PDB file of all heavy atoms in Angstrom:
ATOM      1  N   ALA A   1     132.833 167.636 123.667  1.00  0.00           N
ATOM      2  CA  ALA A   1     134.187 167.878 124.172  1.00  0.00           C
ATOM      3  C   ALA A   1     135.238 167.313 123.216  1.00  0.00           C
ATOM      4  O   ALA A   1     136.285 167.932 123.007  1.00  0.00           O
ATOM      5  CB  ALA A   1     134.345 167.266 125.566  1.00  0.00           C
ATOM      6  N   ILE A   2     134.971 166.158 122.632  1.00  0.00           N
ATOM      7  CA  ILE A   2     135.892 165.586 121.651  1.00  0.00           C
ATOM      8  C   ILE A   2     136.005 166.517 120.442  1.00  0.00           C
ATOM      9  O   ILE A   2     137.113 166.811 119.970  1.00  0.00           O
ATOM     10  CB  ILE A   2     135.445 164.169 121.230  1.00  0.00           C
ATOM     11  CG1 ILE A   2     135.589 163.206 122.418  1.00  0.00           C
ATOM     12  CG2 ILE A   2     136.258 163.680 120.027  1.00  0.00           C
ATOM     13  CD1 ILE A   2     134.932 161.860 122.216  1.00  0.00           C
ATOM     14  N   ALA A   3     134.877 167.008 119.953  1.00  0.00           N
ATOM     15  CA  ALA A   3     134.892 167.943 118.821  1.00  0.00           C
ATOM     16  C   ALA A   3     135.655 169.211 119.180  1.00  0.00           C
ATOM     17  O   ALA A   3     136.439 169.724 118.373  1.00  0.00           O
ATOM     18  CB  ALA A   3     133.468 168.265 118.393  1.00  0.00           C
ATOM     19  N   TYR A   4     135.453 169.717 120.391  1.00  0.00           N
ATOM     20  CA  TYR A   4     136.145 170.919 120.854  1.00  0.00           C
ATOM     21  C   TYR A   4     137.659 170.684 120.899  1.00  0.00           C
ATOM     22  O   TYR A   4     138.447 171.525 120.478  1.00  0.00           O
ATOM     23  CB  TYR A   4     135.615 171.315 122.228  1.00  0.00           C
ATOM     24  CG  TYR A   4     136.365 172.439 122.893  1.00  0.00           C
ATOM     25  CD1 TYR A   4     136.331 173.728 122.371  1.00  0.00           C
ATOM     26  CD2 TYR A   4     137.101 172.212 124.047  1.00  0.00           C
ATOM     27  CE1 TYR A   4     137.013 174.772 123.001  1.00  0.00           C
ATOM     28  CE2 TYR A   4     137.775 173.246 124.677  1.00  0.00           C
ATOM     29  CZ  TYR A   4     137.733 174.520 124.144  1.00  0.00           C
ATOM     30  OH  TYR A   4     138.418 175.539 124.759  1.00  0.00           O
ATOM     31  N   ALA A   5     138.071 169.527 121.410  1.00  0.00           N
ATOM     32  CA  ALA A   5     139.500 169.217 121.507  1.00  0.00           C
ATOM     33  C   ALA A   5     140.145 169.124 120.133  1.00  0.00           C
ATOM     34  O   ALA A   5     141.281 169.541 119.942  1.00  0.00           O
ATOM     35  CB  ALA A   5     139.695 167.913 122.279  1.00  0.00           C
ATOM     36  N   LEU A   6     139.410 168.586 119.173  1.00  0.00           N
ATOM     37  CA  LEU A   6     139.974 168.400 117.834  1.00  0.00           C
ATOM     38  C   LEU A   6     139.887 169.644 116.952  1.00  0.00           C
ATOM     39  O   LEU A   6     140.787 169.904 116.153  1.00  0.00           O
ATOM     40  CB  LEU A   6     139.276 167.227 117.136  1.00  0.00           C
ATOM     41  CG  LEU A   6     139.502 165.846 117.745  1.00  0.00           C
ATOM     42  CD1 LEU A   6     138.618 164.821 117.064  1.00  0.00           C
ATOM     43  CD2 LEU A   6     140.973 165.452 117.647  1.00  0.00           C
ATOM     44  N   PHE A   7     138.799 170.410 117.085  1.00  0.00           N
ATOM     45  CA  PHE A   7     138.530 171.487 116.128  1.00  0.00           C
ATOM     46  C   PHE A   7     138.371 172.872 116.741  1.00  0.00           C
ATOM     47  O   PHE A   7     138.173 173.840 116.021  1.00  0.00           O
ATOM     48  CB  PHE A   7     137.280 171.144 115.309  1.00  0.00           C
ATOM     49  CG  PHE A   7     137.370 169.811 114.629  1.00  0.00           C
ATOM     50  CD1 PHE A   7     136.597 168.742 115.054  1.00  0.00           C
ATOM     51  CD2 PHE A   7     138.252 169.611 113.579  1.00  0.00           C
ATOM     52  CE1 PHE A   7     136.682 167.504 114.435  1.00  0.00           C
ATOM     53  CE2 PHE A   7     138.345 168.370 112.960  1.00  0.00           C
ATOM     54  CZ  PHE A   7     137.559 167.315 113.381  1.00  0.00           C
ATOM     55  N   GLY A   8     138.426 172.986 118.067  1.00  0.00           N
ATOM     56  CA  GLY A   8     138.317 174.283 118.712  1.00  0.00           C
ATOM     57  C   GLY A   8     136.884 174.715 118.947  1.00  0.00           C
ATOM     58  O   GLY A   8     135.930 173.988 118.675  1.00  0.00           O
ATOM     59  N   SER A   9     136.721 175.937 119.430  1.00  0.00           N
ATOM     60  CA  SER A   9     135.415 176.432 119.856  1.00  0.00           C
ATOM     61  C   SER A   9     134.416 176.573 118.710  1.00  0.00           C
ATOM     62  O   SER A   9     133.214 176.573 118.942  1.00  0.00           O
ATOM     63  CB  SER A   9     135.560 177.758 120.588  1.00  0.00           C
ATOM     64  OG  SER A   9     136.122 178.734 119.740  1.00  0.00           O
ATOM     65  N   LYS A  10     134.885 176.663 117.470  1.00  0.00           N
ATOM     66  CA  LYS A  10     133.961 176.769 116.334  1.00  0.00           C
ATOM     67  C   LYS A  10     133.151 175.489 116.135  1.00  0.00           C
ATOM     68  O   LYS A  10     132.123 175.506 115.474  1.00  0.00           O
ATOM     69  CB  LYS A  10     134.716 177.129 115.064  1.00  0.00           C
ATOM     70  CG  LYS A  10     135.286 178.526 115.141  1.00  0.00           C
ATOM     71  CD  LYS A  10     135.810 178.983 113.811  1.00  0.00           C
ATOM     72  CE  LYS A  10     136.450 180.331 113.994  1.00  0.00           C
ATOM     73  NZ  LYS A  10     135.873 181.385 113.264  1.00  0.00           N
ATOM     74  N   ALA A  11     133.612 174.381 116.719  1.00  0.00           N
ATOM     75  CA  ALA A  11     132.895 173.107 116.613  1.00  0.00           C
ATOM     76  C   ALA A  11     131.754 172.997 117.620  1.00  0.00           C
ATOM     77  O   ALA A  11     130.949 172.077 117.539  1.00  0.00           O
ATOM     78  CB  ALA A  11     133.867 171.943 116.813  1.00  0.00           C
ATOM     79  N   LEU A  12     131.687 173.932 118.566  1.00  0.00           N
ATOM     80  CA  LEU A  12     130.648 173.883 119.596  1.00  0.00           C
ATOM     81  C   LEU A  12     129.372 174.550 119.122  1.00  0.00           C
ATOM     82  O   LEU A  12     129.423 175.578 118.438  1.00  0.00           O
ATOM     83  CB  LEU A  12     131.133 174.589 120.865  1.00  0.00           C
ATOM     84  CG  LEU A  12     132.310 173.953 121.591  1.00  0.00           C
ATOM     85  CD1 LEU A  12     132.774 174.847 122.731  1.00  0.00           C
ATOM     86  CD2 LEU A  12     131.947 172.567 122.103  1.00  0.00           C
ATOM     87  N   PRO A  13     128.218 174.016 119.510  1.00  0.00           N
ATOM     88  CA  PRO A  13     126.952 174.649 119.137  1.00  0.00           C
ATOM     89  C   PRO A  13     126.661 175.911 119.951  1.00  0.00           C
ATOM     90  O   PRO A  13     125.829 176.724 119.570  1.00  0.00           O
ATOM     91  CB  PRO A  13     125.909 173.567 119.424  1.00  0.00           C
ATOM     92  CG  PRO A  13     126.532 172.709 120.469  1.00  0.00           C
ATOM     93  CD  PRO A  13     128.013 172.746 120.201  1.00  0.00           C
ATOM     94  N   ASP A  14     127.347 176.067 121.096  1.00  0.00           N
ATOM     95  CA  ASP A  14     127.144 177.212 121.988  1.00  0.00           C
ATOM     96  C   ASP A  14     128.472 177.926 122.216  1.00  0.00           C
ATOM     97  O   ASP A  14     129.541 177.392 121.922  1.00  0.00           O
ATOM     98  CB  ASP A  14     126.580 176.747 123.338  1.00  0.00           C
ATOM     99  CG  ASP A  14     125.254 176.027 123.193  1.00  0.00           C
ATOM    100  OD1 ASP A  14     124.367 176.568 122.514  1.00  0.00           O
ATOM    101  OD2 ASP A  14     125.121 174.926 123.761  1.00  0.00           O
ATOM    102  N   SER A  15     128.418 179.109 122.786  1.00  0.00           N
ATOM    103  CA  SER A  15     129.626 179.856 123.137  1.00  0.00           C
ATOM    104  C   SER A  15     130.338 179.165 124.297  1.00  0.00           C
ATOM    105  O   SER A  15     129.754 178.326 124.991  1.00  0.00           O
ATOM    106  CB  SER A  15     129.257 181.281 123.532  1.00  0.00           C
ATOM    107  OG  SER A  15     128.531 181.262 124.753  1.00  0.00           O
ATOM    108  N   LEU A  16     131.585 179.538 124.524  1.00  0.00           N
ATOM    109  CA  LEU A  16     132.312 178.997 125.678  1.00  0.00           C
ATOM    110  C   LEU A  16     131.631 179.381 126.982  1.00  0.00           C
ATOM    111  O   LEU A  16     131.605 178.597 127.923  1.00  0.00           O
ATOM    112  CB  LEU A  16     133.760 179.484 125.672  1.00  0.00           C
ATOM    113  CG  LEU A  16     134.658 178.884 124.596  1.00  0.00           C
ATOM    114  CD1 LEU A  16     136.054 179.498 124.666  1.00  0.00           C
ATOM    115  CD2 LEU A  16     134.727 177.376 124.717  1.00  0.00           C
ATOM    116  N   GLU A  17     131.052 180.574 127.016  1.00  0.00           N
ATOM    117  CA  GLU A  17     130.343 181.026 128.219  1.00  0.00           C
ATOM    118  C   GLU A  17     129.148 180.130 128.532  1.00  0.00           C
ATOM    119  O   GLU A  17     128.790 179.938 129.690  1.00  0.00           O
ATOM    120  CB  GLU A  17     129.888 182.476 128.061  1.00  0.00           C
ATOM    121  CG  GLU A  17     131.006 183.499 128.070  1.00  0.00           C
ATOM    122  CD  GLU A  17     131.767 183.620 126.748  1.00  0.00           C
ATOM    123  OE1 GLU A  17     131.347 183.006 125.734  1.00  0.00           O
ATOM    124  OE2 GLU A  17     132.787 184.312 126.714  1.00  0.00           O
ATOM    125  N   ASP A  18     128.524 179.580 127.488  1.00  0.00           N
ATOM    126  CA  ASP A  18     127.383 178.691 127.683  1.00  0.00           C
ATOM    127  C   ASP A  18     127.802 177.224 127.801  1.00  0.00           C
ATOM    128  O   ASP A  18     126.982 176.370 128.125  1.00  0.00           O
ATOM    129  CB  ASP A  18     126.387 178.846 126.542  1.00  0.00           C
ATOM    130  CG  ASP A  18     125.675 180.180 126.574  1.00  0.00           C
ATOM    131  OD1 ASP A  18     125.539 180.761 127.669  1.00  0.00           O
ATOM    132  OD2 ASP A  18     125.256 180.657 125.496  1.00  0.00           O
ATOM    133  N   THR A  19     129.074 176.930 127.527  1.00  0.00           N
ATOM    134  CA  THR A  19     129.573 175.558 127.577  1.00  0.00           C
ATOM    135  C   THR A  19     130.215 175.238 128.921  1.00  0.00           C
ATOM    136  O   THR A  19     130.120 174.111 129.404  1.00  0.00           O
ATOM    137  CB  THR A  19     130.595 175.321 126.441  1.00  0.00           C
ATOM    138  OG1 THR A  19     129.956 175.598 125.187  1.00  0.00           O
ATOM    139  CG2 THR A  19     131.090 173.896 126.430  1.00  0.00           C
ATOM    140  N   VAL A  20     130.857 176.217 129.537  1.00  0.00           N
ATOM    141  CA  VAL A  20     131.518 175.988 130.819  1.00  0.00           C
ATOM    142  C   VAL A  20     130.478 175.591 131.871  1.00  0.00           C
ATOM    143  O   VAL A  20     129.310 175.980 131.792  1.00  0.00           O
ATOM    144  CB  VAL A  20     132.313 177.246 131.256  1.00  0.00           C
ATOM    145  CG1 VAL A  20     131.402 178.390 131.619  1.00  0.00           C
ATOM    146  CG2 VAL A  20     133.272 176.919 132.386  1.00  0.00           C
ATOM    147  N   THR A  21     130.891 174.786 132.835  1.00  0.00           N
ATOM    148  CA  THR A  21     130.013 174.376 133.933  1.00  0.00           C
ATOM    149  C   THR A  21     129.431 175.616 134.600  1.00  0.00           C
ATOM    150  O   THR A  21     130.144 176.581 134.854  1.00  0.00           O
ATOM    151  CB  THR A  21     130.804 173.539 134.950  1.00  0.00           C
ATOM    152  OG1 THR A  21     131.335 172.385 134.277  1.00  0.00           O
ATOM    153  CG2 THR A  21     129.924 173.084 136.099  1.00  0.00           C
ATOM    154  N   TRP A  22     128.129 175.580 134.866  1.00  0.00           N
ATOM    155  CA  TRP A  22     127.415 176.731 135.424  1.00  0.00           C
ATOM    156  C   TRP A  22     128.113 177.229 136.682  1.00  0.00           C
ATOM    157  O   TRP A  22     128.451 176.462 137.580  1.00  0.00           O
ATOM    158  CB  TRP A  22     125.970 176.357 135.737  1.00  0.00           C
ATOM    159  CG  TRP A  22     125.142 177.544 136.098  1.00  0.00           C
ATOM    160  CD1 TRP A  22     124.515 178.390 135.235  1.00  0.00           C
ATOM    161  CD2 TRP A  22     124.877 178.030 137.406  1.00  0.00           C
ATOM    162  NE1 TRP A  22     123.867 179.384 135.926  1.00  0.00           N
ATOM    163  CE2 TRP A  22     124.075 179.185 137.278  1.00  0.00           C
ATOM    164  CE3 TRP A  22     125.230 177.622 138.677  1.00  0.00           C
ATOM    165  CZ2 TRP A  22     123.629 179.923 138.351  1.00  0.00           C
ATOM    166  CZ3 TRP A  22     124.790 178.360 139.763  1.00  0.00           C
ATOM    167  CH2 TRP A  22     123.990 179.487 139.585  1.00  0.00           C
ATOM    168  N   GLY A  23     128.370 178.542 136.726  1.00  0.00           N
ATOM    169  CA  GLY A  23     128.972 179.171 137.882  1.00  0.00           C
ATOM    170  C   GLY A  23     130.492 179.147 137.904  1.00  0.00           C
ATOM    171  O   GLY A  23     131.109 179.680 138.822  1.00  0.00           O
ATOM    172  N   LYS A  24     131.117 178.530 136.913  1.00  0.00           N
ATOM    173  CA  LYS A  24     132.581 178.445 136.850  1.00  0.00           C
ATOM    174  C   LYS A  24     133.105 179.445 135.827  1.00  0.00           C
ATOM    175  O   LYS A  24     132.459 179.728 134.822  1.00  0.00           O
ATOM    176  CB  LYS A  24     133.026 177.035 136.443  1.00  0.00           C
ATOM    177  CG  LYS A  24     132.507 175.937 137.336  1.00  0.00           C
ATOM    178  CD  LYS A  24     133.146 175.988 138.698  1.00  0.00           C
ATOM    179  CE  LYS A  24     132.675 174.800 139.523  1.00  0.00           C
ATOM    180  NZ  LYS A  24     133.261 174.750 140.827  1.00  0.00           N
ATOM    181  N   PRO A  25     134.301 179.991 136.049  1.00  0.00           N
ATOM    182  CA  PRO A  25     134.887 180.911 135.072  1.00  0.00           C
ATOM    183  C   PRO A  25     135.243 180.191 133.765  1.00  0.00           C
ATOM    184  O   PRO A  25     135.647 179.023 133.784  1.00  0.00           O
ATOM    185  CB  PRO A  25     136.164 181.411 135.760  1.00  0.00           C
ATOM    186  CG  PRO A  25     136.038 181.034 137.189  1.00  0.00           C
ATOM    187  CD  PRO A  25     135.100 179.877 137.258  1.00  0.00           C
ATOM    188  N   VAL A  26     135.091 180.874 132.654  1.00  0.00           N
ATOM    189  CA  VAL A  26     135.382 180.288 131.342  1.00  0.00           C
ATOM    190  C   VAL A  26     136.815 179.770 131.279  1.00  0.00           C
ATOM    191  O   VAL A  26     137.080 178.727 130.673  1.00  0.00           O
ATOM    192  CB  VAL A  26     135.120 181.313 130.213  1.00  0.00           C
ATOM    193  CG1 VAL A  26     135.589 180.787 128.875  1.00  0.00           C
ATOM    194  CG2 VAL A  26     133.642 181.658 130.149  1.00  0.00           C
ATOM    195  N   ALA A  27     137.729 180.462 131.920  1.00  0.00           N
ATOM    196  CA  ALA A  27     139.142 180.072 131.873  1.00  0.00           C
ATOM    197  C   ALA A  27     139.413 178.709 132.519  1.00  0.00           C
ATOM    198  O   ALA A  27     140.470 178.125 132.307  1.00  0.00           O
ATOM    199  CB  ALA A  27     140.010 181.133 132.543  1.00  0.00           C
ATOM    200  N   THR A  28     138.459 178.188 133.286  1.00  0.00           N
ATOM    201  CA  THR A  28     138.664 176.891 133.941  1.00  0.00           C
ATOM    202  C   THR A  28     138.212 175.724 133.067  1.00  0.00           C
ATOM    203  O   THR A  28     138.467 174.577 133.408  1.00  0.00           O
ATOM    204  CB  THR A  28     137.924 176.821 135.289  1.00  0.00           C
ATOM    205  OG1 THR A  28     136.510 176.912 135.076  1.00  0.00           O
ATOM    206  CG2 THR A  28     138.392 177.925 136.221  1.00  0.00           C
ATOM    207  N   LEU A  29     137.552 176.001 131.947  1.00  0.00           N
ATOM    208  CA  LEU A  29     137.104 174.945 131.036  1.00  0.00           C
ATOM    209  C   LEU A  29     138.326 174.342 130.357  1.00  0.00           C
ATOM    210  O   LEU A  29     139.124 175.042 129.742  1.00  0.00           O
ATOM    211  CB  LEU A  29     136.161 175.538 129.984  1.00  0.00           C
ATOM    212  CG  LEU A  29     135.534 174.571 128.993  1.00  0.00           C
ATOM    213  CD1 LEU A  29     134.171 175.089 128.582  1.00  0.00           C
ATOM    214  CD2 LEU A  29     136.394 174.367 127.789  1.00  0.00           C
ATOM    215  N   LYS A  30     138.487 173.028 130.494  1.00  0.00           N
ATOM    216  CA  LYS A  30     139.630 172.329 129.903  1.00  0.00           C
ATOM    217  C   LYS A  30     139.177 170.986 129.351  1.00  0.00           C
ATOM    218  O   LYS A  30     138.328 170.310 129.934  1.00  0.00           O
ATOM    219  CB  LYS A  30     140.720 172.062 130.941  1.00  0.00           C
ATOM    220  CG  LYS A  30     141.204 173.273 131.690  1.00  0.00           C
ATOM    221  CD  LYS A  30     142.325 173.957 130.968  1.00  0.00           C
ATOM    222  CE  LYS A  30     142.923 175.030 131.836  1.00  0.00           C
ATOM    223  NZ  LYS A  30     142.678 176.365 131.407  1.00  0.00           N
ATOM    224  N   VAL A  31     139.769 170.595 128.226  1.00  0.00           N
ATOM    225  CA  VAL A  31     139.572 169.263 127.665  1.00  0.00           C
ATOM    226  C   VAL A  31     140.945 168.736 127.271  1.00  0.00           C
ATOM    227  O   VAL A  31     141.673 169.383 126.519  1.00  0.00           O
ATOM    228  CB  VAL A  31     138.647 169.276 126.437  1.00  0.00           C
ATOM    229  CG1 VAL A  31     138.538 167.878 125.837  1.00  0.00           C
ATOM    230  CG2 VAL A  31     137.273 169.799 126.794  1.00  0.00           C
ATOM    231  N   TYR A  32     141.292 167.577 127.796  1.00  0.00           N
ATOM    232  CA  TYR A  32     142.536 166.911 127.450  1.00  0.00           C
ATOM    233  C   TYR A  32     142.167 165.651 126.688  1.00  0.00           C
ATOM    234  O   TYR A  32     141.410 164.821 127.193  1.00  0.00           O
ATOM    235  CB  TYR A  32     143.334 166.538 128.702  1.00  0.00           C
ATOM    236  CG  TYR A  32     143.640 167.713 129.591  1.00  0.00           C
ATOM    237  CD1 TYR A  32     142.799 168.051 130.655  1.00  0.00           C
ATOM    238  CD2 TYR A  32     144.764 168.495 129.362  1.00  0.00           C
ATOM    239  CE1 TYR A  32     143.083 169.129 131.468  1.00  0.00           C
ATOM    240  CE2 TYR A  32     145.053 169.584 130.182  1.00  0.00           C
ATOM    241  CZ  TYR A  32     144.200 169.893 131.226  1.00  0.00           C
ATOM    242  OH  TYR A  32     144.478 170.965 132.044  1.00  0.00           O
ATOM    243  N   LEU A  33     142.690 165.498 125.493  1.00  0.00           N
ATOM    244  CA  LEU A  33     142.366 164.343 124.658  1.00  0.00           C
ATOM    245  C   LEU A  33     143.671 163.679 124.239  1.00  0.00           C
ATOM    246  O   LEU A  33     144.576 164.328 123.722  1.00  0.00           O
ATOM    247  CB  LEU A  33     141.584 164.795 123.421  1.00  0.00           C
ATOM    248  CG  LEU A  33     141.098 163.715 122.473  1.00  0.00           C
ATOM    249  CD1 LEU A  33     140.083 162.805 123.162  1.00  0.00           C
ATOM    250  CD2 LEU A  33     140.476 164.336 121.238  1.00  0.00           C
ATOM    251  N   THR A  34     143.771 162.377 124.494  1.00  0.00           N
ATOM    252  CA  THR A  34     144.917 161.602 124.063  1.00  0.00           C
ATOM    253  C   THR A  34     144.437 160.616 123.002  1.00  0.00           C
ATOM    254  O   THR A  34     143.459 159.901 123.216  1.00  0.00           O
ATOM    255  CB  THR A  34     145.515 160.814 125.249  1.00  0.00           C
ATOM    256  OG1 THR A  34     145.801 161.724 126.309  1.00  0.00           O
ATOM    257  CG2 THR A  34     146.787 160.097 124.854  1.00  0.00           C
TER     258      THR A  34
END
């Protein structure tokens, strides 16, 4: 999640569809980093 917040979805090993919590819409995936 830290990598995603800093560098975007290209930093993830999986797609957003495979990263979002199971059964939740992709649009609900959020990371807030301060």
